[in-house]
N, C-alpha and C. Protein backbone atom coordinates (compact mmCIF):
# COMPACT_ATOMS: atom_id res chain seq x y z
N MET A 1 -150.81 -82.21 -156.80
CA MET A 1 -150.41 -82.65 -155.49
C MET A 1 -149.52 -83.87 -155.63
N ARG A 2 -148.36 -83.80 -155.05
CA ARG A 2 -147.44 -84.92 -155.09
C ARG A 2 -147.01 -85.27 -153.68
N ILE A 3 -147.26 -86.48 -153.28
CA ILE A 3 -146.88 -86.93 -151.95
C ILE A 3 -145.48 -87.55 -152.06
N THR A 4 -144.57 -87.08 -151.23
CA THR A 4 -143.20 -87.56 -151.25
C THR A 4 -142.99 -88.59 -150.14
N TYR A 5 -141.83 -89.23 -150.18
CA TYR A 5 -141.51 -90.19 -149.13
C TYR A 5 -141.41 -89.48 -147.78
N LYS A 6 -141.02 -88.20 -147.78
CA LYS A 6 -140.95 -87.45 -146.53
C LYS A 6 -142.34 -87.28 -145.92
N ASP A 7 -143.34 -87.04 -146.77
CA ASP A 7 -144.71 -86.93 -146.28
C ASP A 7 -145.17 -88.24 -145.65
N VAL A 8 -144.84 -89.34 -146.29
CA VAL A 8 -145.24 -90.66 -145.78
C VAL A 8 -144.57 -90.94 -144.44
N VAL A 9 -143.27 -90.70 -144.35
CA VAL A 9 -142.55 -90.94 -143.10
C VAL A 9 -143.08 -90.06 -141.98
N ALA A 10 -143.30 -88.78 -142.28
CA ALA A 10 -143.84 -87.86 -141.26
C ALA A 10 -145.23 -88.31 -140.80
N THR A 11 -146.05 -88.75 -141.74
CA THR A 11 -147.39 -89.22 -141.39
C THR A 11 -147.32 -90.46 -140.51
N LEU A 12 -146.42 -91.37 -140.82
CA LEU A 12 -146.26 -92.57 -139.99
C LEU A 12 -145.78 -92.22 -138.59
N LEU A 13 -144.89 -91.23 -138.48
CA LEU A 13 -144.41 -90.80 -137.16
C LEU A 13 -145.54 -90.15 -136.36
N ILE A 14 -146.38 -89.37 -137.01
CA ILE A 14 -147.53 -88.77 -136.33
C ILE A 14 -148.50 -89.86 -135.89
N ALA A 15 -148.72 -90.85 -136.75
CA ALA A 15 -149.58 -91.98 -136.38
C ALA A 15 -149.00 -92.73 -135.19
N ALA A 16 -147.66 -92.80 -135.11
CA ALA A 16 -147.00 -93.47 -133.99
C ALA A 16 -147.15 -92.68 -132.69
N ILE A 17 -147.61 -91.45 -132.78
CA ILE A 17 -147.94 -90.66 -131.60
C ILE A 17 -149.42 -90.82 -131.27
N VAL A 18 -150.26 -90.67 -132.28
CA VAL A 18 -151.71 -90.63 -132.06
C VAL A 18 -152.26 -92.01 -131.65
N VAL A 19 -151.81 -93.07 -132.27
CA VAL A 19 -152.34 -94.40 -131.95
C VAL A 19 -152.05 -94.78 -130.49
N PRO A 20 -150.80 -94.63 -130.00
CA PRO A 20 -150.58 -94.93 -128.58
C PRO A 20 -151.35 -93.98 -127.65
N TYR A 21 -151.54 -92.73 -128.08
CA TYR A 21 -152.31 -91.80 -127.25
C TYR A 21 -153.75 -92.28 -127.12
N ILE A 22 -154.33 -92.73 -128.21
CA ILE A 22 -155.70 -93.26 -128.15
C ILE A 22 -155.74 -94.49 -127.24
N GLY A 23 -154.75 -95.36 -127.37
CA GLY A 23 -154.66 -96.52 -126.48
C GLY A 23 -154.47 -96.12 -125.03
N TYR A 24 -153.66 -95.10 -124.81
CA TYR A 24 -153.45 -94.58 -123.46
C TYR A 24 -154.76 -94.05 -122.87
N LEU A 25 -155.53 -93.33 -123.69
CA LEU A 25 -156.83 -92.83 -123.22
C LEU A 25 -157.79 -93.98 -122.91
N ALA A 26 -157.77 -95.01 -123.74
CA ALA A 26 -158.71 -96.11 -123.58
C ALA A 26 -158.35 -97.01 -122.40
N TRP A 27 -157.05 -97.32 -122.23
CA TRP A 27 -156.65 -98.30 -121.22
C TRP A 27 -155.83 -97.72 -120.07
N GLY A 28 -155.44 -96.48 -120.15
CA GLY A 28 -154.68 -95.87 -119.06
C GLY A 28 -153.19 -96.05 -119.16
N ASP A 29 -152.75 -96.98 -119.98
CA ASP A 29 -151.32 -97.14 -120.25
C ASP A 29 -151.14 -97.96 -121.51
N MET A 30 -149.94 -97.89 -122.03
CA MET A 30 -149.55 -98.65 -123.22
C MET A 30 -148.16 -99.19 -122.94
N PRO A 31 -147.70 -100.17 -123.72
CA PRO A 31 -146.33 -100.61 -123.50
C PRO A 31 -145.36 -99.42 -123.59
N PHE A 32 -144.52 -99.28 -122.59
CA PHE A 32 -143.52 -98.22 -122.47
C PHE A 32 -144.12 -96.86 -122.12
N ILE A 33 -145.45 -96.76 -122.01
CA ILE A 33 -146.09 -95.48 -121.68
C ILE A 33 -147.07 -95.75 -120.53
N GLN A 34 -146.67 -95.33 -119.30
CA GLN A 34 -147.52 -95.59 -118.16
C GLN A 34 -148.20 -94.34 -117.60
N ASP A 35 -147.77 -93.15 -118.01
CA ASP A 35 -148.33 -91.93 -117.44
C ASP A 35 -148.24 -90.78 -118.44
N PRO A 36 -148.82 -89.62 -118.11
CA PRO A 36 -148.78 -88.49 -119.04
C PRO A 36 -147.36 -88.06 -119.40
N ARG A 37 -146.45 -88.15 -118.44
CA ARG A 37 -145.06 -87.76 -118.73
C ARG A 37 -144.45 -88.67 -119.80
N GLY A 38 -144.70 -89.95 -119.73
CA GLY A 38 -144.19 -90.89 -120.73
C GLY A 38 -144.79 -90.63 -122.10
N MET A 39 -146.09 -90.33 -122.12
CA MET A 39 -146.75 -90.02 -123.39
C MET A 39 -146.22 -88.72 -123.97
N ALA A 40 -145.98 -87.71 -123.11
CA ALA A 40 -145.44 -86.44 -123.57
C ALA A 40 -144.03 -86.63 -124.12
N GLY A 41 -143.22 -87.42 -123.45
CA GLY A 41 -141.86 -87.69 -123.94
C GLY A 41 -141.87 -88.40 -125.28
N THR A 42 -142.76 -89.37 -125.42
CA THR A 42 -142.90 -90.07 -126.69
C THR A 42 -143.34 -89.11 -127.79
N GLY A 43 -144.33 -88.27 -127.47
CA GLY A 43 -144.82 -87.30 -128.44
C GLY A 43 -143.75 -86.30 -128.85
N LEU A 44 -142.96 -85.84 -127.89
CA LEU A 44 -141.88 -84.90 -128.21
C LEU A 44 -140.84 -85.53 -129.12
N ALA A 45 -140.40 -86.73 -128.76
CA ALA A 45 -139.36 -87.39 -129.55
C ALA A 45 -139.84 -87.67 -130.98
N LEU A 46 -141.02 -88.26 -131.11
CA LEU A 46 -141.52 -88.60 -132.44
C LEU A 46 -141.95 -87.35 -133.21
N GLY A 47 -142.48 -86.35 -132.51
CA GLY A 47 -142.87 -85.11 -133.17
C GLY A 47 -141.67 -84.36 -133.72
N LEU A 48 -140.59 -84.32 -132.95
CA LEU A 48 -139.36 -83.68 -133.44
C LEU A 48 -138.79 -84.45 -134.62
N ALA A 49 -138.87 -85.77 -134.56
CA ALA A 49 -138.40 -86.58 -135.69
C ALA A 49 -139.24 -86.30 -136.94
N ALA A 50 -140.56 -86.20 -136.77
CA ALA A 50 -141.44 -85.90 -137.92
C ALA A 50 -141.11 -84.53 -138.48
N ALA A 51 -140.87 -83.56 -137.62
CA ALA A 51 -140.53 -82.21 -138.08
C ALA A 51 -139.20 -82.22 -138.83
N ALA A 52 -138.24 -82.99 -138.34
CA ALA A 52 -136.94 -83.06 -139.00
C ALA A 52 -137.05 -83.72 -140.38
N VAL A 53 -137.87 -84.75 -140.48
CA VAL A 53 -138.03 -85.46 -141.75
C VAL A 53 -138.78 -84.60 -142.76
N ALA A 54 -139.88 -84.00 -142.32
CA ALA A 54 -140.76 -83.28 -143.24
C ALA A 54 -140.44 -81.81 -143.33
N GLY A 55 -139.46 -81.34 -142.58
CA GLY A 55 -139.18 -79.91 -142.51
C GLY A 55 -139.06 -79.25 -143.87
N ARG A 56 -139.76 -78.16 -144.01
CA ARG A 56 -139.71 -77.37 -145.22
C ARG A 56 -138.95 -76.09 -144.91
N ALA A 57 -138.85 -75.21 -145.84
CA ALA A 57 -138.16 -73.95 -145.62
C ALA A 57 -138.84 -73.17 -144.50
N ALA A 58 -138.11 -72.96 -143.40
CA ALA A 58 -138.69 -72.32 -142.22
C ALA A 58 -139.03 -70.86 -142.47
N LEU A 59 -138.35 -70.22 -143.38
CA LEU A 59 -138.59 -68.81 -143.63
C LEU A 59 -139.43 -68.58 -144.87
N ASP A 60 -140.18 -69.59 -145.28
CA ASP A 60 -141.04 -69.48 -146.46
C ASP A 60 -142.08 -68.39 -146.21
N PRO A 61 -142.26 -67.46 -147.15
CA PRO A 61 -143.20 -66.37 -146.93
C PRO A 61 -144.67 -66.76 -147.05
N GLU A 62 -144.95 -67.98 -147.50
CA GLU A 62 -146.34 -68.42 -147.65
C GLU A 62 -147.04 -68.42 -146.29
N PRO A 63 -148.24 -67.87 -146.21
CA PRO A 63 -148.96 -67.86 -144.93
C PRO A 63 -149.20 -69.26 -144.36
N ALA A 64 -149.46 -70.23 -145.22
CA ALA A 64 -149.70 -71.60 -144.72
C ALA A 64 -148.45 -72.18 -144.08
N HIS A 65 -147.28 -71.89 -144.64
CA HIS A 65 -146.03 -72.36 -144.04
C HIS A 65 -145.77 -71.67 -142.71
N ARG A 66 -146.05 -70.38 -142.66
CA ARG A 66 -145.87 -69.65 -141.40
C ARG A 66 -146.83 -70.17 -140.33
N ALA A 67 -148.06 -70.49 -140.72
CA ALA A 67 -149.03 -71.05 -139.77
C ALA A 67 -148.54 -72.39 -139.23
N ALA A 68 -148.00 -73.23 -140.10
CA ALA A 68 -147.48 -74.53 -139.67
C ALA A 68 -146.30 -74.35 -138.72
N LEU A 69 -145.42 -73.40 -139.03
CA LEU A 69 -144.28 -73.13 -138.15
C LEU A 69 -144.75 -72.63 -136.80
N GLY A 70 -145.70 -71.69 -136.80
CA GLY A 70 -146.24 -71.18 -135.54
C GLY A 70 -146.90 -72.26 -134.72
N SER A 71 -147.66 -73.12 -135.38
CA SER A 71 -148.31 -74.23 -134.70
C SER A 71 -147.28 -75.20 -134.13
N GLY A 72 -146.20 -75.41 -134.86
CA GLY A 72 -145.14 -76.28 -134.37
C GLY A 72 -144.46 -75.73 -133.13
N ILE A 73 -144.28 -74.43 -133.10
CA ILE A 73 -143.67 -73.80 -131.92
C ILE A 73 -144.60 -73.95 -130.71
N VAL A 74 -145.90 -73.75 -130.93
CA VAL A 74 -146.88 -73.94 -129.86
C VAL A 74 -146.87 -75.39 -129.39
N ALA A 75 -146.83 -76.34 -130.33
CA ALA A 75 -146.80 -77.76 -129.98
C ALA A 75 -145.56 -78.08 -129.16
N LEU A 76 -144.41 -77.54 -129.55
CA LEU A 76 -143.18 -77.79 -128.81
C LEU A 76 -143.30 -77.25 -127.38
N ALA A 77 -143.81 -76.04 -127.24
CA ALA A 77 -143.98 -75.44 -125.90
C ALA A 77 -144.94 -76.27 -125.05
N LEU A 78 -146.04 -76.71 -125.64
CA LEU A 78 -147.00 -77.53 -124.90
C LEU A 78 -146.38 -78.88 -124.52
N GLY A 79 -145.59 -79.45 -125.41
CA GLY A 79 -144.93 -80.72 -125.11
C GLY A 79 -143.94 -80.61 -123.98
N ILE A 80 -143.16 -79.54 -123.99
CA ILE A 80 -142.20 -79.32 -122.90
C ILE A 80 -142.95 -79.10 -121.59
N ALA A 81 -144.04 -78.32 -121.64
CA ALA A 81 -144.84 -78.08 -120.43
C ALA A 81 -145.45 -79.39 -119.92
N ALA A 82 -146.00 -80.20 -120.83
CA ALA A 82 -146.60 -81.47 -120.43
C ALA A 82 -145.56 -82.41 -119.83
N LEU A 83 -144.35 -82.40 -120.38
CA LEU A 83 -143.28 -83.23 -119.85
C LEU A 83 -142.83 -82.73 -118.48
N ALA A 84 -142.74 -81.41 -118.33
CA ALA A 84 -142.29 -80.84 -117.06
C ALA A 84 -143.30 -81.05 -115.95
N VAL A 85 -144.57 -80.83 -116.26
CA VAL A 85 -145.62 -81.00 -115.24
C VAL A 85 -145.81 -82.49 -114.95
N GLY A 86 -145.89 -83.28 -115.99
CA GLY A 86 -145.93 -84.72 -115.84
C GLY A 86 -147.24 -85.34 -115.42
N THR A 87 -148.19 -84.57 -114.93
CA THR A 87 -149.45 -85.16 -114.46
C THR A 87 -150.68 -84.55 -115.12
N SER A 88 -150.50 -83.60 -116.00
CA SER A 88 -151.64 -82.88 -116.56
C SER A 88 -152.16 -83.55 -117.83
N GLU A 89 -153.33 -84.15 -117.70
CA GLU A 89 -153.98 -84.75 -118.85
C GLU A 89 -154.42 -83.68 -119.85
N VAL A 90 -154.78 -82.50 -119.35
CA VAL A 90 -155.22 -81.40 -120.22
C VAL A 90 -154.06 -80.91 -121.08
N LEU A 91 -152.90 -80.68 -120.46
CA LEU A 91 -151.72 -80.26 -121.24
C LEU A 91 -151.35 -81.32 -122.27
N LEU A 92 -151.44 -82.57 -121.88
CA LEU A 92 -151.12 -83.66 -122.81
C LEU A 92 -152.09 -83.66 -123.99
N ALA A 93 -153.38 -83.48 -123.72
CA ALA A 93 -154.37 -83.45 -124.80
C ALA A 93 -154.13 -82.26 -125.73
N LEU A 94 -153.82 -81.10 -125.16
CA LEU A 94 -153.53 -79.92 -125.99
C LEU A 94 -152.28 -80.15 -126.83
N PHE A 95 -151.28 -80.79 -126.25
CA PHE A 95 -150.04 -81.09 -126.96
C PHE A 95 -150.30 -82.02 -128.15
N ILE A 96 -151.03 -83.08 -127.92
CA ILE A 96 -151.32 -84.03 -129.01
C ILE A 96 -152.15 -83.34 -130.09
N ALA A 97 -153.13 -82.54 -129.69
CA ALA A 97 -153.93 -81.81 -130.68
C ALA A 97 -153.06 -80.85 -131.48
N ALA A 98 -152.13 -80.18 -130.82
CA ALA A 98 -151.24 -79.24 -131.52
C ALA A 98 -150.33 -79.97 -132.50
N ILE A 99 -149.90 -81.17 -132.15
CA ILE A 99 -149.08 -81.96 -133.08
C ILE A 99 -149.88 -82.29 -134.34
N VAL A 100 -151.11 -82.72 -134.16
CA VAL A 100 -151.95 -83.08 -135.30
C VAL A 100 -152.25 -81.85 -136.16
N VAL A 101 -152.52 -80.72 -135.53
CA VAL A 101 -152.77 -79.48 -136.27
C VAL A 101 -151.52 -79.08 -137.05
N THR A 102 -150.36 -79.17 -136.41
CA THR A 102 -149.10 -78.83 -137.09
C THR A 102 -148.88 -79.72 -138.30
N TRP A 103 -149.09 -81.01 -138.14
CA TRP A 103 -148.93 -81.94 -139.26
C TRP A 103 -149.90 -81.59 -140.39
N ALA A 104 -151.17 -81.35 -140.03
CA ALA A 104 -152.18 -81.04 -141.06
C ALA A 104 -151.83 -79.74 -141.79
N LEU A 105 -151.44 -78.72 -141.05
CA LEU A 105 -151.05 -77.45 -141.68
C LEU A 105 -149.82 -77.62 -142.58
N GLY A 106 -148.86 -78.39 -142.11
CA GLY A 106 -147.66 -78.63 -142.90
C GLY A 106 -147.96 -79.37 -144.20
N GLU A 107 -148.80 -80.37 -144.12
CA GLU A 107 -149.18 -81.11 -145.33
C GLU A 107 -150.00 -80.23 -146.26
N PHE A 108 -150.90 -79.43 -145.70
CA PHE A 108 -151.69 -78.51 -146.52
C PHE A 108 -150.77 -77.52 -147.23
N ALA A 109 -149.84 -76.95 -146.49
CA ALA A 109 -148.92 -75.97 -147.08
C ALA A 109 -148.07 -76.62 -148.17
N HIS A 110 -147.63 -77.84 -147.92
CA HIS A 110 -146.79 -78.54 -148.89
C HIS A 110 -147.57 -78.86 -150.16
N THR A 111 -148.74 -79.44 -150.01
CA THR A 111 -149.51 -79.83 -151.20
C THR A 111 -150.09 -78.62 -151.90
N ARG A 112 -150.52 -77.63 -151.15
CA ARG A 112 -151.05 -76.40 -151.76
C ARG A 112 -149.94 -75.67 -152.50
N GLY A 113 -148.76 -75.64 -151.91
CA GLY A 113 -147.62 -74.98 -152.55
C GLY A 113 -147.24 -75.63 -153.86
N SER A 114 -147.29 -76.97 -153.91
CA SER A 114 -146.93 -77.64 -155.16
C SER A 114 -148.00 -77.43 -156.22
N VAL A 115 -149.27 -77.31 -155.81
CA VAL A 115 -150.34 -77.05 -156.76
C VAL A 115 -150.20 -75.63 -157.31
N VAL A 116 -149.94 -74.66 -156.43
CA VAL A 116 -149.78 -73.28 -156.87
C VAL A 116 -148.57 -73.14 -157.78
N ALA A 117 -147.47 -73.79 -157.42
CA ALA A 117 -146.24 -73.68 -158.21
C ALA A 117 -146.40 -74.27 -159.60
N HIS A 118 -147.29 -75.25 -159.77
CA HIS A 118 -147.46 -75.90 -161.06
C HIS A 118 -148.69 -75.44 -161.83
N SER A 119 -149.38 -74.43 -161.30
CA SER A 119 -150.57 -73.97 -162.00
C SER A 119 -150.18 -73.05 -163.16
N PRO A 120 -150.96 -73.03 -164.24
CA PRO A 120 -150.66 -72.15 -165.37
C PRO A 120 -150.69 -70.67 -164.98
N VAL A 121 -151.53 -70.34 -164.01
CA VAL A 121 -151.62 -68.94 -163.58
C VAL A 121 -150.30 -68.51 -162.94
N ALA A 122 -149.68 -69.39 -162.14
CA ALA A 122 -148.43 -69.05 -161.48
C ALA A 122 -147.31 -68.82 -162.50
N HIS A 123 -147.34 -69.54 -163.60
CA HIS A 123 -146.28 -69.39 -164.61
C HIS A 123 -146.48 -68.19 -165.51
N SER A 124 -147.72 -67.73 -165.63
CA SER A 124 -147.96 -66.60 -166.52
C SER A 124 -147.73 -65.25 -165.84
N ALA A 125 -147.60 -65.26 -164.54
CA ALA A 125 -147.44 -64.00 -163.80
C ALA A 125 -146.04 -63.45 -163.90
């Protein structure tokens, strides 16, 4: 398993979504984020940035990569819906959860792929 600078940057961007969301849940607002629409916009912008930084081959045949891509598409749809509706705490919660799931699946696919690619079994086949 090798963690790259892209993994670190993507993780920091995801943390920049989750930490304000937790603050938003605890206090009802955060600096620059006063409502669900603001939180959804922040999540969309930072989530897209994380996807751009950490993006792997979109057409990778590995099931884990396809799962991460599918989860990312769901997260994007939920984020757009949360931004459009603007008042739904449920959509916002689903969106944030989908972002975290997408990040986790992407990191799993990345680290699992590097382990499989460097295993002796993979080279002997």
